[in-house]
Amino acid sequence: MTVRSSENCSFQYWVHQTHQPMNVSSLLFLITFGKTLLNILTLAMRRKNTYQNFMGYFCISLAFIDLFLLVNISIISYFRDFVLLGIRFTKYHICLLTQIISFTYGFLHYPVFLIACIDYYLNFSKTPKLPCKCQTLFYVFTVILIWISVLAYVLGDPAISQSLSMQDAYPYPYQCPFYVSIQSYWLSLALVMILLVVLITSWSEVVTLVQAVRITSYMNEAILYFPFSSHSSCTTSSKKILLPKLIVCFLSTWLPFVLLQIVILLLQVQIPAYMEMNIPWLYFVNSFLIATFYWFNCHKLSLRAITLPVDPFVSWKCCFIPLTVHNLEKTETPVSVIIC
């Protein structure tokens, strides 16, 4: 394995040469096909009554790009050698296209994270909201702009162009270098470290809260609910009280994914960028950002005064409804619920 970096130090990536037991085009087809199925499954499992946000539109665009890659790999693998619009396509272009998409995915982690932060900051602030159609057009335009900008940077960077031209030195079809973005590594490391620090500092409160949580069934769904004191008001709690609730809500959904991230970081597993940028990872980051903004803005939140953003996978509403559920079976609407 060799490590390369651009001359302007704007990115780093690992080039890993592997001796594949099968044709690389077949391997890439299987990986891309599996990722496409994962995209469809994840999008199908999310809650449908979610508010519009940047991350949701970007996840849909990522699913289309993965489908585009799968279709192109399938067509080139089937015809093997053909001419389209005066351009000759061979199996060599399967590896080349995957490399370009890998570089593009690798540079998207920081911009997507930053834009999602800005989006939620505006949602939590008192900034006037755009009409629904205008908001949709704005998100679509933003997603298209970020894809075009990153792709233009990738194609125009001299270091990347030189790396792509070096592919002729590899004995295709049994070797194809893949690229691992340093952005995803540092972002994953930062999120995991923050979660561990927060969990350690609030360990006793989290354990107490987990012991008090009850599991039951409501409307054919498994749910968790917190017991709140009967004298609580309808405003949100302080940051110290709210933090363990947010941790329990977050880990009740994303604990397996957090453990997976820890294993990947400890073993220093090098995952190709075209696999590492995926929809479950984006929704994991999305839930982390929502929890963070809830905690920083807990003094501003009130269920009677504000509509809380809806997470496609985590129900945060239970953290802000301080009412007692004496008998859940006799209650028409459970007030402190985490949908698992």
C-alpha atoms as a PDB file:
ATOM      1  CA  MET A   1       0.000   0.000   0.000  1.00  0.00           C
ATOM      2  CA  THR A   2       1.192   3.498  -0.769  1.00  0.00           C
ATOM      3  CA  VAL A   3      -0.033   6.826   0.512  1.00  0.00           C
ATOM      4  CA  ARG A   4      -0.341   9.765  -1.825  1.00  0.00           C
ATOM      5  CA  SER A   5      -1.254  13.376  -1.234  1.00  0.00           C
ATOM      6  CA  SER A   6      -1.924  16.279  -3.534  1.00  0.00           C
ATOM      7  CA  GLU A   7       0.603  19.027  -3.977  1.00  0.00           C
ATOM      8  CA  ASN A   8      -1.631  21.590  -2.319  1.00  0.00           C
ATOM      9  CA  CYS A   9      -2.354  19.222   0.598  1.00  0.00           C
ATOM     10  CA  SER A  10      -6.086  19.605   0.044  1.00  0.00           C
ATOM     11  CA  PHE A  11      -6.691  15.891   0.321  1.00  0.00           C
ATOM     12  CA  GLN A  12      -5.046  12.597   1.133  1.00  0.00           C
ATOM     13  CA  TYR A  13      -5.971   9.136   0.024  1.00  0.00           C
ATOM     14  CA  TRP A  14      -4.616   5.636   0.102  1.00  0.00           C
ATOM     15  CA  VAL A  15      -4.040   3.644  -3.068  1.00  0.00           C
ATOM     16  CA  HIS A  16      -4.423  -0.021  -2.342  1.00  0.00           C
ATOM     17  CA  GLN A  17      -3.503  -2.578  -4.984  1.00  0.00           C
ATOM     18  CA  THR A  18      -5.247  -5.875  -4.556  1.00  0.00           C
ATOM     19  CA  HIS A  19      -4.831  -9.158  -6.374  1.00  0.00           C
ATOM     20  CA  GLN A  20      -8.462 -10.068  -6.945  1.00  0.00           C
ATOM     21  CA  PRO A  21      -9.471 -13.706  -7.385  1.00  0.00           C
ATOM     22  CA  MET A  22     -12.175 -12.585  -9.813  1.00  0.00           C
ATOM     23  CA  ASN A  23     -12.508 -10.005 -12.548  1.00  0.00           C
ATOM     24  CA  VAL A  24     -12.571  -6.528 -11.010  1.00  0.00           C
ATOM     25  CA  SER A  25     -15.634  -5.516 -13.021  1.00  0.00           C
ATOM     26  CA  SER A  26     -17.596  -8.402 -11.515  1.00  0.00           C
ATOM     27  CA  LEU A  27     -16.439  -7.464  -8.029  1.00  0.00           C
ATOM     28  CA  LEU A  28     -17.397  -3.823  -8.527  1.00  0.00           C
ATOM     29  CA  PHE A  29     -20.793  -4.890  -9.868  1.00  0.00           C
ATOM     30  CA  LEU A  30     -21.488  -7.023  -6.775  1.00  0.00           C
ATOM     31  CA  ILE A  31     -20.385  -4.253  -4.395  1.00  0.00           C
ATOM     32  CA  THR A  32     -22.392  -1.570  -6.174  1.00  0.00           C
ATOM     33  CA  PHE A  33     -25.425  -3.841  -6.434  1.00  0.00           C
ATOM     34  CA  GLY A  34     -25.276  -4.541  -2.689  1.00  0.00           C
ATOM     35  CA  LYS A  35     -24.929  -0.857  -1.900  1.00  0.00           C
ATOM     36  CA  THR A  36     -27.889  -0.020  -4.134  1.00  0.00           C
ATOM     37  CA  LEU A  37     -30.027  -2.556  -2.289  1.00  0.00           C
ATOM     38  CA  LEU A  38     -28.888  -1.041   1.016  1.00  0.00           C
ATOM     39  CA  ASN A  39     -29.906   2.409  -0.248  1.00  0.00           C
ATOM     40  CA  ILE A  40     -33.361   1.184  -1.218  1.00  0.00           C
ATOM     41  CA  LEU A  41     -33.824  -0.625   2.107  1.00  0.00           C
ATOM     42  CA  THR A  42     -32.714   2.399   4.138  1.00  0.00           C
ATOM     43  CA  LEU A  43     -34.944   4.824   2.238  1.00  0.00           C
ATOM     44  CA  ALA A  44     -37.874   2.429   2.584  1.00  0.00           C
ATOM     45  CA  MET A  45     -37.370   2.086   6.355  1.00  0.00           C
ATOM     46  CA  ARG A  46     -37.299   5.820   7.098  1.00  0.00           C
ATOM     47  CA  ARG A  47     -40.353   7.661   8.357  1.00  0.00           C
ATOM     48  CA  LYS A  48     -42.328   9.225   5.565  1.00  0.00           C
ATOM     49  CA  ASN A  49     -43.765  12.161   7.559  1.00  0.00           C
ATOM     50  CA  THR A  50     -40.448  13.979   7.836  1.00  0.00           C
ATOM     51  CA  TYR A  51     -39.904  17.658   7.206  1.00  0.00           C
ATOM     52  CA  GLN A  52     -37.822  18.820   4.284  1.00  0.00           C
ATOM     53  CA  ASN A  53     -34.126  19.184   4.971  1.00  0.00           C
ATOM     54  CA  PHE A  54     -30.881  19.215   3.026  1.00  0.00           C
ATOM     55  CA  MET A  55     -29.690  15.804   4.226  1.00  0.00           C
ATOM     56  CA  GLY A  56     -32.847  14.074   3.011  1.00  0.00           C
ATOM     57  CA  TYR A  57     -32.469  15.443  -0.518  1.00  0.00           C
ATOM     58  CA  PHE A  58     -28.763  14.663  -0.591  1.00  0.00           C
ATOM     59  CA  CYS A  59     -29.419  11.038   0.425  1.00  0.00           C
ATOM     60  CA  ILE A  60     -31.857  10.681  -2.466  1.00  0.00           C
ATOM     61  CA  SER A  61     -29.291  12.155  -4.867  1.00  0.00           C
ATOM     62  CA  LEU A  62     -26.651   9.731  -3.554  1.00  0.00           C
ATOM     63  CA  ALA A  63     -29.002   6.826  -4.221  1.00  0.00           C
ATOM     64  CA  PHE A  64     -29.425   8.004  -7.821  1.00  0.00           C
ATOM     65  CA  ILE A  65     -25.659   8.345  -8.311  1.00  0.00           C
ATOM     66  CA  ASP A  66     -25.108   4.810  -6.983  1.00  0.00           C
ATOM     67  CA  LEU A  67     -27.824   3.552  -9.324  1.00  0.00           C
ATOM     68  CA  PHE A  68     -26.163   5.425 -12.190  1.00  0.00           C
ATOM     69  CA  LEU A  69     -22.851   3.718 -11.396  1.00  0.00           C
ATOM     70  CA  LEU A  70     -24.526   0.310 -11.215  1.00  0.00           C
ATOM     71  CA  VAL A  71     -26.269   0.789 -14.572  1.00  0.00           C
ATOM     72  CA  ASN A  72     -23.054   1.910 -16.260  1.00  0.00           C
ATOM     73  CA  ILE A  73     -21.069  -1.011 -14.854  1.00  0.00           C
ATOM     74  CA  SER A  74     -23.799  -3.384 -16.048  1.00  0.00           C
ATOM     75  CA  ILE A  75     -23.944  -1.936 -19.567  1.00  0.00           C
ATOM     76  CA  ILE A  76     -20.166  -1.845 -20.056  1.00  0.00           C
ATOM     77  CA  SER A  77     -19.772  -5.354 -18.618  1.00  0.00           C
ATOM     78  CA  TYR A  78     -22.445  -6.692 -20.959  1.00  0.00           C
ATOM     79  CA  PHE A  79     -21.290  -5.061 -24.219  1.00  0.00           C
ATOM     80  CA  ARG A  80     -17.568  -5.062 -23.226  1.00  0.00           C
ATOM     81  CA  ASP A  81     -16.440  -2.962 -26.177  1.00  0.00           C
ATOM     82  CA  PHE A  82     -18.713  -0.455 -27.914  1.00  0.00           C
ATOM     83  CA  VAL A  83     -18.809   3.093 -29.268  1.00  0.00           C
ATOM     84  CA  LEU A  84     -21.291   5.698 -28.031  1.00  0.00           C
ATOM     85  CA  LEU A  85     -21.347   9.292 -29.305  1.00  0.00           C
ATOM     86  CA  GLY A  86     -17.938   8.777 -30.847  1.00  0.00           C
ATOM     87  CA  ILE A  87     -16.392   7.537 -27.599  1.00  0.00           C
ATOM     88  CA  ARG A  88     -15.133   3.973 -27.308  1.00  0.00           C
ATOM     89  CA  PHE A  89     -16.062   2.291 -24.029  1.00  0.00           C
ATOM     90  CA  THR A  90     -14.274  -0.803 -22.725  1.00  0.00           C
ATOM     91  CA  LYS A  91     -14.013  -2.556 -19.372  1.00  0.00           C
ATOM     92  CA  TYR A  92     -11.182  -0.175 -18.573  1.00  0.00           C
ATOM     93  CA  HIS A  93     -13.806   2.561 -18.116  1.00  0.00           C
ATOM     94  CA  ILE A  94     -15.493   0.607 -15.304  1.00  0.00           C
ATOM     95  CA  CYS A  95     -12.453   1.105 -13.102  1.00  0.00           C
ATOM     96  CA  LEU A  96     -11.947   4.665 -14.316  1.00  0.00           C
ATOM     97  CA  LEU A  97     -15.559   5.669 -13.623  1.00  0.00           C
ATOM     98  CA  THR A  98     -15.438   4.088 -10.168  1.00  0.00           C
ATOM     99  CA  GLN A  99     -12.231   5.970  -9.385  1.00  0.00           C
ATOM    100  CA  ILE A 100     -13.755   9.307 -10.402  1.00  0.00           C
ATOM    101  CA  ILE A 101     -16.833   8.657  -8.283  1.00  0.00           C
ATOM    102  CA  SER A 102     -14.617   7.551  -5.382  1.00  0.00           C
ATOM    103  CA  PHE A 103     -12.726  10.840  -5.470  1.00  0.00           C
ATOM    104  CA  THR A 104     -15.994  12.763  -5.698  1.00  0.00           C
ATOM    105  CA  TYR A 105     -17.508  10.898  -2.737  1.00  0.00           C
ATOM    106  CA  GLY A 106     -14.292  11.366  -0.779  1.00  0.00           C
ATOM    107  CA  PHE A 107     -14.467  15.160  -1.014  1.00  0.00           C
ATOM    108  CA  LEU A 108     -18.155  15.398  -0.088  1.00  0.00           C
ATOM    109  CA  HIS A 109     -18.013  14.570   3.641  1.00  0.00           C
ATOM    110  CA  TYR A 110     -16.959  17.997   4.910  1.00  0.00           C
ATOM    111  CA  PRO A 111     -19.196  20.069   2.576  1.00  0.00           C
ATOM    112  CA  VAL A 112     -22.265  17.931   3.305  1.00  0.00           C
ATOM    113  CA  PHE A 113     -21.624  18.097   7.043  1.00  0.00           C
ATOM    114  CA  LEU A 114     -21.158  21.875   6.922  1.00  0.00           C
ATOM    115  CA  ILE A 115     -24.261  22.537   4.814  1.00  0.00           C
ATOM    116  CA  ALA A 116     -26.354  20.260   7.045  1.00  0.00           C
ATOM    117  CA  CYS A 117     -25.142  22.247  10.081  1.00  0.00           C
ATOM    118  CA  ILE A 118     -26.157  25.511   8.431  1.00  0.00           C
ATOM    119  CA  ASP A 119     -29.519  24.029   7.439  1.00  0.00           C
ATOM    120  CA  TYR A 120     -30.371  22.957  10.993  1.00  0.00           C
ATOM    121  CA  TYR A 121     -29.081  26.226  12.410  1.00  0.00           C
ATOM    122  CA  LEU A 122     -31.539  28.093  10.194  1.00  0.00           C
ATOM    123  CA  ASN A 123     -34.331  25.661  11.120  1.00  0.00           C
ATOM    124  CA  PHE A 124     -33.747  26.228  14.830  1.00  0.00           C
ATOM    125  CA  SER A 125     -33.395  29.986  14.473  1.00  0.00           C
ATOM    126  CA  LYS A 126     -36.254  32.395  13.978  1.00  0.00           C
ATOM    127  CA  THR A 127     -35.315  32.967  10.342  1.00  0.00           C
ATOM    128  CA  PRO A 128     -38.453  33.304   8.174  1.00  0.00           C
ATOM    129  CA  LYS A 129     -39.161  30.041   6.393  1.00  0.00           C
ATOM    130  CA  LEU A 130     -39.574  29.799   2.627  1.00  0.00           C
ATOM    131  CA  PRO A 131     -42.805  28.439   1.114  1.00  0.00           C
ATOM    132  CA  CYS A 132     -42.808  24.673   0.640  1.00  0.00           C
ATOM    133  CA  LYS A 133     -42.218  24.713  -3.129  1.00  0.00           C
ATOM    134  CA  CYS A 134     -39.493  27.351  -2.887  1.00  0.00           C
ATOM    135  CA  GLN A 135     -37.800  25.377  -0.124  1.00  0.00           C
ATOM    136  CA  THR A 136     -37.875  22.235  -2.269  1.00  0.00           C
ATOM    137  CA  LEU A 137     -36.342  24.080  -5.218  1.00  0.00           C
ATOM    138  CA  PHE A 138     -33.690  25.581  -2.947  1.00  0.00           C
ATOM    139  CA  TYR A 139     -32.655  22.174  -1.585  1.00  0.00           C
ATOM    140  CA  VAL A 140     -32.602  20.624  -5.064  1.00  0.00           C
ATOM    141  CA  PHE A 141     -30.487  23.495  -6.380  1.00  0.00           C
ATOM    142  CA  THR A 142     -28.087  23.215  -3.423  1.00  0.00           C
ATOM    143  CA  VAL A 143     -27.664  19.455  -3.912  1.00  0.00           C
ATOM    144  CA  ILE A 144     -27.022  19.815  -7.656  1.00  0.00           C
ATOM    145  CA  LEU A 145     -24.581  22.663  -7.035  1.00  0.00           C
ATOM    146  CA  ILE A 146     -22.525  20.727  -4.503  1.00  0.00           C
ATOM    147  CA  TRP A 147     -22.306  17.684  -6.807  1.00  0.00           C
ATOM    148  CA  ILE A 148     -21.220  19.788  -9.797  1.00  0.00           C
ATOM    149  CA  SER A 149     -18.718  21.790  -7.737  1.00  0.00           C
ATOM    150  CA  VAL A 150     -17.002  18.760  -6.214  1.00  0.00           C
ATOM    151  CA  LEU A 151     -16.970  16.860  -9.515  1.00  0.00           C
ATOM    152  CA  ALA A 152     -15.461  19.885 -11.294  1.00  0.00           C
ATOM    153  CA  TYR A 153     -12.774  20.115  -8.621  1.00  0.00           C
ATOM    154  CA  VAL A 154     -11.964  16.414  -8.934  1.00  0.00           C
ATOM    155  CA  LEU A 155     -11.680  16.544 -12.733  1.00  0.00           C
ATOM    156  CA  GLY A 156      -9.674  19.749 -12.647  1.00  0.00           C
ATOM    157  CA  ASP A 157      -7.167  18.837  -9.940  1.00  0.00           C
ATOM    158  CA  PRO A 158      -3.766  18.034 -11.514  1.00  0.00           C
ATOM    159  CA  ALA A 159      -2.797  15.528  -8.795  1.00  0.00           C
ATOM    160  CA  ILE A 160      -6.001  13.536  -9.277  1.00  0.00           C
ATOM    161  CA  SER A 161      -5.621  13.603 -13.064  1.00  0.00           C
ATOM    162  CA  GLN A 162      -2.101  12.272 -12.691  1.00  0.00           C
ATOM    163  CA  SER A 163      -3.313   9.494 -10.408  1.00  0.00           C
ATOM    164  CA  LEU A 164      -6.030   8.503 -12.858  1.00  0.00           C
ATOM    165  CA  SER A 165      -3.533   8.417 -15.729  1.00  0.00           C
ATOM    166  CA  MET A 166      -1.329   6.064 -13.700  1.00  0.00           C
ATOM    167  CA  GLN A 167      -3.966   3.347 -14.049  1.00  0.00           C
ATOM    168  CA  ASP A 168      -2.319   2.186 -17.268  1.00  0.00           C
ATOM    169  CA  ALA A 169       0.466   0.758 -15.107  1.00  0.00           C
ATOM    170  CA  TYR A 170      -1.943  -1.671 -13.426  1.00  0.00           C
ATOM    171  CA  PRO A 171      -2.625  -5.045 -15.082  1.00  0.00           C
ATOM    172  CA  TYR A 172      -6.352  -4.619 -15.608  1.00  0.00           C
ATOM    173  CA  PRO A 173      -8.741  -6.465 -15.244  1.00  0.00           C
ATOM    174  CA  TYR A 174      -7.283  -8.017 -12.083  1.00  0.00           C
ATOM    175  CA  GLN A 175      -6.093  -4.871 -10.331  1.00  0.00           C
ATOM    176  CA  CYS A 176      -7.835  -1.567  -9.795  1.00  0.00           C
ATOM    177  CA  PRO A 177      -6.670   0.928  -7.155  1.00  0.00           C
ATOM    178  CA  PHE A 178      -9.338   2.247  -4.835  1.00  0.00           C
ATOM    179  CA  TYR A 179      -9.262   5.432  -2.819  1.00  0.00           C
ATOM    180  CA  VAL A 180     -10.038   6.110   0.819  1.00  0.00           C
ATOM    181  CA  SER A 181     -10.909   9.663   1.796  1.00  0.00           C
ATOM    182  CA  ILE A 182      -9.227  11.150   4.846  1.00  0.00           C
ATOM    183  CA  GLN A 183     -12.311  13.336   5.389  1.00  0.00           C
ATOM    184  CA  SER A 184     -14.518  10.422   6.400  1.00  0.00           C
ATOM    185  CA  TYR A 185     -11.835   9.128   8.774  1.00  0.00           C
ATOM    186  CA  TRP A 186     -11.509  12.384  10.711  1.00  0.00           C
ATOM    187  CA  LEU A 187     -15.254  13.017  10.730  1.00  0.00           C
ATOM    188  CA  SER A 188     -15.975   9.508  12.011  1.00  0.00           C
ATOM    189  CA  LEU A 189     -13.225   9.828  14.628  1.00  0.00           C
ATOM    190  CA  ALA A 190     -14.587  13.183  15.827  1.00  0.00           C
ATOM    191  CA  LEU A 191     -18.168  11.914  16.151  1.00  0.00           C
ATOM    192  CA  VAL A 192     -17.125   8.749  17.995  1.00  0.00           C
ATOM    193  CA  MET A 193     -14.846  10.661  20.376  1.00  0.00           C
ATOM    194  CA  ILE A 194     -17.613  13.166  21.176  1.00  0.00           C
ATOM    195  CA  LEU A 195     -20.077  10.335  21.832  1.00  0.00           C
ATOM    196  CA  LEU A 196     -17.627   8.524  24.111  1.00  0.00           C
ATOM    197  CA  VAL A 197     -16.785  11.672  26.088  1.00  0.00           C
ATOM    198  CA  VAL A 198     -20.462  12.569  26.506  1.00  0.00           C
ATOM    199  CA  LEU A 199     -21.348   9.005  27.483  1.00  0.00           C
ATOM    200  CA  ILE A 200     -18.572   8.845  30.072  1.00  0.00           C
ATOM    201  CA  THR A 201     -19.433  12.201  31.644  1.00  0.00           C
ATOM    202  CA  SER A 202     -23.143  11.281  31.867  1.00  0.00           C
ATOM    203  CA  TRP A 203     -22.717   7.571  32.601  1.00  0.00           C
ATOM    204  CA  SER A 204     -24.547   7.494  35.946  1.00  0.00           C
ATOM    205  CA  GLU A 205     -27.498   9.509  34.624  1.00  0.00           C
ATOM    206  CA  VAL A 206     -27.696   7.335  31.492  1.00  0.00           C
ATOM    207  CA  VAL A 207     -27.682   4.120  33.534  1.00  0.00           C
ATOM    208  CA  THR A 208     -30.408   5.463  35.820  1.00  0.00           C
ATOM    209  CA  LEU A 209     -32.502   6.544  32.861  1.00  0.00           C
ATOM    210  CA  VAL A 210     -32.062   3.215  31.054  1.00  0.00           C
ATOM    211  CA  GLN A 211     -33.209   1.378  34.176  1.00  0.00           C
ATOM    212  CA  ALA A 212     -36.328   3.556  34.314  1.00  0.00           C
ATOM    213  CA  VAL A 213     -37.210   3.166  30.624  1.00  0.00           C
ATOM    214  CA  ARG A 214     -40.121   0.847  29.867  1.00  0.00           C
ATOM    215  CA  ILE A 215     -40.677  -1.185  26.700  1.00  0.00           C
ATOM    216  CA  THR A 216     -44.151  -1.861  25.381  1.00  0.00           C
ATOM    217  CA  SER A 217     -46.171  -2.066  22.190  1.00  0.00           C
ATOM    218  CA  TYR A 218     -48.189   0.772  20.720  1.00  0.00           C
ATOM    219  CA  MET A 219     -49.964   0.785  17.347  1.00  0.00           C
ATOM    220  CA  ASN A 220     -48.115  -2.397  16.311  1.00  0.00           C
ATOM    221  CA  GLU A 221     -44.713  -0.832  17.009  1.00  0.00           C
ATOM    222  CA  ALA A 222     -42.182  -1.514  19.729  1.00  0.00           C
ATOM    223  CA  ILE A 223     -41.717   1.663  21.775  1.00  0.00           C
ATOM    224  CA  LEU A 224     -39.770   2.942  24.760  1.00  0.00           C
ATOM    225  CA  TYR A 225     -41.092   5.617  27.093  1.00  0.00           C
ATOM    226  CA  PHE A 226     -39.522   7.658  29.876  1.00  0.00           C
ATOM    227  CA  PRO A 227     -41.222   8.135  33.261  1.00  0.00           C
ATOM    228  CA  PHE A 228     -41.393  11.867  33.956  1.00  0.00           C
ATOM    229  CA  SER A 229     -42.305  13.548  37.191  1.00  0.00           C
ATOM    230  CA  SER A 230     -45.932  14.630  37.413  1.00  0.00           C
ATOM    231  CA  HIS A 231     -45.055  18.206  38.383  1.00  0.00           C
ATOM    232  CA  SER A 232     -43.002  18.911  35.260  1.00  0.00           C
ATOM    233  CA  SER A 233     -44.005  21.744  33.006  1.00  0.00           C
ATOM    234  CA  CYS A 234     -44.431  21.715  29.257  1.00  0.00           C
ATOM    235  CA  THR A 235     -41.071  23.304  28.608  1.00  0.00           C
ATOM    236  CA  THR A 236     -37.850  21.544  27.850  1.00  0.00           C
ATOM    237  CA  SER A 237     -35.453  20.529  30.603  1.00  0.00           C
ATOM    238  CA  SER A 238     -32.044  21.952  31.372  1.00  0.00           C
ATOM    239  CA  LYS A 239     -29.033  20.799  29.391  1.00  0.00           C
ATOM    240  CA  LYS A 240     -27.855  18.555  32.230  1.00  0.00           C
ATOM    241  CA  ILE A 241     -31.196  16.719  32.411  1.00  0.00           C
ATOM    242  CA  LEU A 242     -31.705  16.648  28.647  1.00  0.00           C
ATOM    243  CA  LEU A 243     -28.281  15.204  27.756  1.00  0.00           C
ATOM    244  CA  PRO A 244     -28.812  11.605  29.029  1.00  0.00           C
ATOM    245  CA  LYS A 245     -32.224  11.504  27.340  1.00  0.00           C
ATOM    246  CA  LEU A 246     -30.660  12.471  24.026  1.00  0.00           C
ATOM    247  CA  ILE A 247     -27.955   9.827  24.482  1.00  0.00           C
ATOM    248  CA  VAL A 248     -30.500   7.080  25.169  1.00  0.00           C
ATOM    249  CA  CYS A 249     -32.639   8.167  22.196  1.00  0.00           C
ATOM    250  CA  PHE A 250     -29.626   8.261  19.890  1.00  0.00           C
ATOM    251  CA  LEU A 251     -28.045   4.967  20.972  1.00  0.00           C
ATOM    252  CA  SER A 252     -31.379   3.131  20.980  1.00  0.00           C
ATOM    253  CA  THR A 253     -31.253   3.425  17.184  1.00  0.00           C
ATOM    254  CA  TRP A 254     -27.577   3.857  16.268  1.00  0.00           C
ATOM    255  CA  LEU A 255     -25.678   1.750  18.840  1.00  0.00           C
ATOM    256  CA  PRO A 256     -24.771  -1.024  16.320  1.00  0.00           C
ATOM    257  CA  PHE A 257     -23.530   1.622  13.875  1.00  0.00           C
ATOM    258  CA  VAL A 258     -21.465   3.324  16.602  1.00  0.00           C
ATOM    259  CA  LEU A 259     -19.851   0.006  17.529  1.00  0.00           C
ATOM    260  CA  LEU A 260     -19.122  -0.633  13.854  1.00  0.00           C
ATOM    261  CA  GLN A 261     -17.423   2.765  13.560  1.00  0.00           C
ATOM    262  CA  ILE A 262     -15.295   2.009  16.640  1.00  0.00           C
ATOM    263  CA  VAL A 263     -14.180  -1.328  15.182  1.00  0.00           C
ATOM    264  CA  ILE A 264     -13.318   0.292  11.838  1.00  0.00           C
ATOM    265  CA  LEU A 265     -11.276   2.999  13.564  1.00  0.00           C
ATOM    266  CA  LEU A 266      -9.455   0.615  15.905  1.00  0.00           C
ATOM    267  CA  LEU A 267      -8.575  -1.843  13.138  1.00  0.00           C
ATOM    268  CA  GLN A 268      -7.830   0.990  10.701  1.00  0.00           C
ATOM    269  CA  VAL A 269      -9.934  -0.687   8.040  1.00  0.00           C
ATOM    270  CA  GLN A 270      -9.524   1.007   4.672  1.00  0.00           C
ATOM    271  CA  ILE A 271     -12.920   1.217   2.997  1.00  0.00           C
ATOM    272  CA  PRO A 272     -13.155   2.518  -0.590  1.00  0.00           C
ATOM    273  CA  ALA A 273     -14.738   5.951  -0.827  1.00  0.00           C
ATOM    274  CA  TYR A 274     -17.493   4.716  -3.147  1.00  0.00           C
ATOM    275  CA  MET A 275     -18.584   2.373  -0.336  1.00  0.00           C
ATOM    276  CA  GLU A 276     -17.888   4.637   2.635  1.00  0.00           C
ATOM    277  CA  MET A 277     -20.187   7.415   1.471  1.00  0.00           C
ATOM    278  CA  ASN A 278     -23.533   5.700   2.012  1.00  0.00           C
ATOM    279  CA  ILE A 279     -27.045   6.569   3.134  1.00  0.00           C
ATOM    280  CA  PRO A 280     -26.918   4.881   6.606  1.00  0.00           C
ATOM    281  CA  TRP A 281     -23.769   6.879   7.383  1.00  0.00           C
ATOM    282  CA  LEU A 282     -25.448  10.126   6.293  1.00  0.00           C
ATOM    283  CA  TYR A 283     -28.537   9.476   8.413  1.00  0.00           C
ATOM    284  CA  PHE A 284     -26.267   8.620  11.356  1.00  0.00           C
ATOM    285  CA  VAL A 285     -24.586  12.021  10.964  1.00  0.00           C
ATOM    286  CA  ASN A 286     -28.016  13.599  10.533  1.00  0.00           C
ATOM    287  CA  SER A 287     -29.273  12.202  13.858  1.00  0.00           C
ATOM    288  CA  PHE A 288     -26.070  13.337  15.575  1.00  0.00           C
ATOM    289  CA  LEU A 289     -26.540  16.890  14.277  1.00  0.00           C
ATOM    290  CA  ILE A 290     -30.197  17.003  15.332  1.00  0.00           C
ATOM    291  CA  ALA A 291     -29.306  15.846  18.861  1.00  0.00           C
ATOM    292  CA  THR A 292     -26.515  18.426  19.050  1.00  0.00           C
ATOM    293  CA  PHE A 293     -28.765  21.298  18.015  1.00  0.00           C
ATOM    294  CA  TYR A 294     -31.491  20.132  20.409  1.00  0.00           C
ATOM    295  CA  TRP A 295     -29.004  20.219  23.269  1.00  0.00           C
ATOM    296  CA  PHE A 296     -27.554  23.631  22.421  1.00  0.00           C
ATOM    297  CA  ASN A 297     -31.041  25.126  21.908  1.00  0.00           C
ATOM    298  CA  CYS A 298     -32.921  23.344  24.694  1.00  0.00           C
ATOM    299  CA  HIS A 299     -33.740  26.662  26.411  1.00  0.00           C
ATOM    300  CA  LYS A 300     -35.433  27.874  23.205  1.00  0.00           C
ATOM    301  CA  LEU A 301     -37.536  24.776  22.585  1.00  0.00           C
ATOM    302  CA  SER A 302     -41.139  24.403  23.617  1.00  0.00           C
ATOM    303  CA  LEU A 303     -43.549  21.935  22.055  1.00  0.00           C
ATOM    304  CA  ARG A 304     -46.371  24.457  22.219  1.00  0.00           C
ATOM    305  CA  ALA A 305     -44.342  27.161  20.498  1.00  0.00           C
ATOM    306  CA  ILE A 306     -42.190  25.376  17.949  1.00  0.00           C
ATOM    307  CA  THR A 307     -42.449  22.489  15.547  1.00  0.00           C
ATOM    308  CA  LEU A 308     -39.481  20.206  16.082  1.00  0.00           C
ATOM    309  CA  PRO A 309     -37.675  18.784  13.033  1.00  0.00           C
ATOM    310  CA  VAL A 310     -38.512  15.137  12.501  1.00  0.00           C
ATOM    311  CA  ASP A 311     -35.695  12.583  12.291  1.00  0.00           C
ATOM    312  CA  PRO A 312     -36.319   9.767   9.779  1.00  0.00           C
ATOM    313  CA  PHE A 313     -35.032   7.159  12.250  1.00  0.00           C
ATOM    314  CA  VAL A 314     -34.995   8.590  15.792  1.00  0.00           C
ATOM    315  CA  SER A 315     -37.990   9.963  17.680  1.00  0.00           C
ATOM    316  CA  TRP A 316     -36.703  12.869  19.766  1.00  0.00           C
ATOM    317  CA  LYS A 317     -40.085  14.129  20.884  1.00  0.00           C
ATOM    318  CA  CYS A 318     -40.079  12.011  24.033  1.00  0.00           C
ATOM    319  CA  CYS A 319     -37.119  14.022  25.351  1.00  0.00           C
ATOM    320  CA  PHE A 320     -39.247  17.182  25.474  1.00  0.00           C
ATOM    321  CA  ILE A 321     -42.634  15.969  26.765  1.00  0.00           C
ATOM    322  CA  PRO A 322     -42.431  15.919  30.573  1.00  0.00           C
ATOM    323  CA  LEU A 323     -45.701  14.147  31.363  1.00  0.00           C
ATOM    324  CA  THR A 324     -46.325  10.985  33.328  1.00  0.00           C
ATOM    325  CA  VAL A 325     -47.637   7.842  31.674  1.00  0.00           C
ATOM    326  CA  HIS A 326     -49.365   5.966  34.498  1.00  0.00           C
ATOM    327  CA  ASN A 327     -50.997   3.335  32.337  1.00  0.00           C
ATOM    328  CA  LEU A 328     -49.844   3.243  28.732  1.00  0.00           C
ATOM    329  CA  GLU A 329     -52.508   0.723  27.686  1.00  0.00           C
ATOM    330  CA  LYS A 330     -55.289   3.117  28.753  1.00  0.00           C
ATOM    331  CA  THR A 331     -53.690   6.190  27.263  1.00  0.00           C
ATOM    332  CA  GLU A 332     -54.902   7.211  23.819  1.00  0.00           C
ATOM    333  CA  THR A 333     -51.659   8.923  22.905  1.00  0.00           C
ATOM    334  CA  PRO A 334     -48.410   8.001  24.672  1.00  0.00           C
ATOM    335  CA  VAL A 335     -46.609  11.216  25.456  1.00  0.00           C
ATOM    336  CA  SER A 336     -43.035  10.114  25.985  1.00  0.00           C
ATOM    337  CA  VAL A 337     -42.131   7.665  23.298  1.00  0.00           C
ATOM    338  CA  ILE A 338     -39.104   6.486  21.369  1.00  0.00           C
ATOM    339  CA  ILE A 339     -40.071   4.577  18.264  1.00  0.00           C
ATOM    340  CA  CYS A 340     -37.478   1.820  17.859  1.00  0.00           C
END
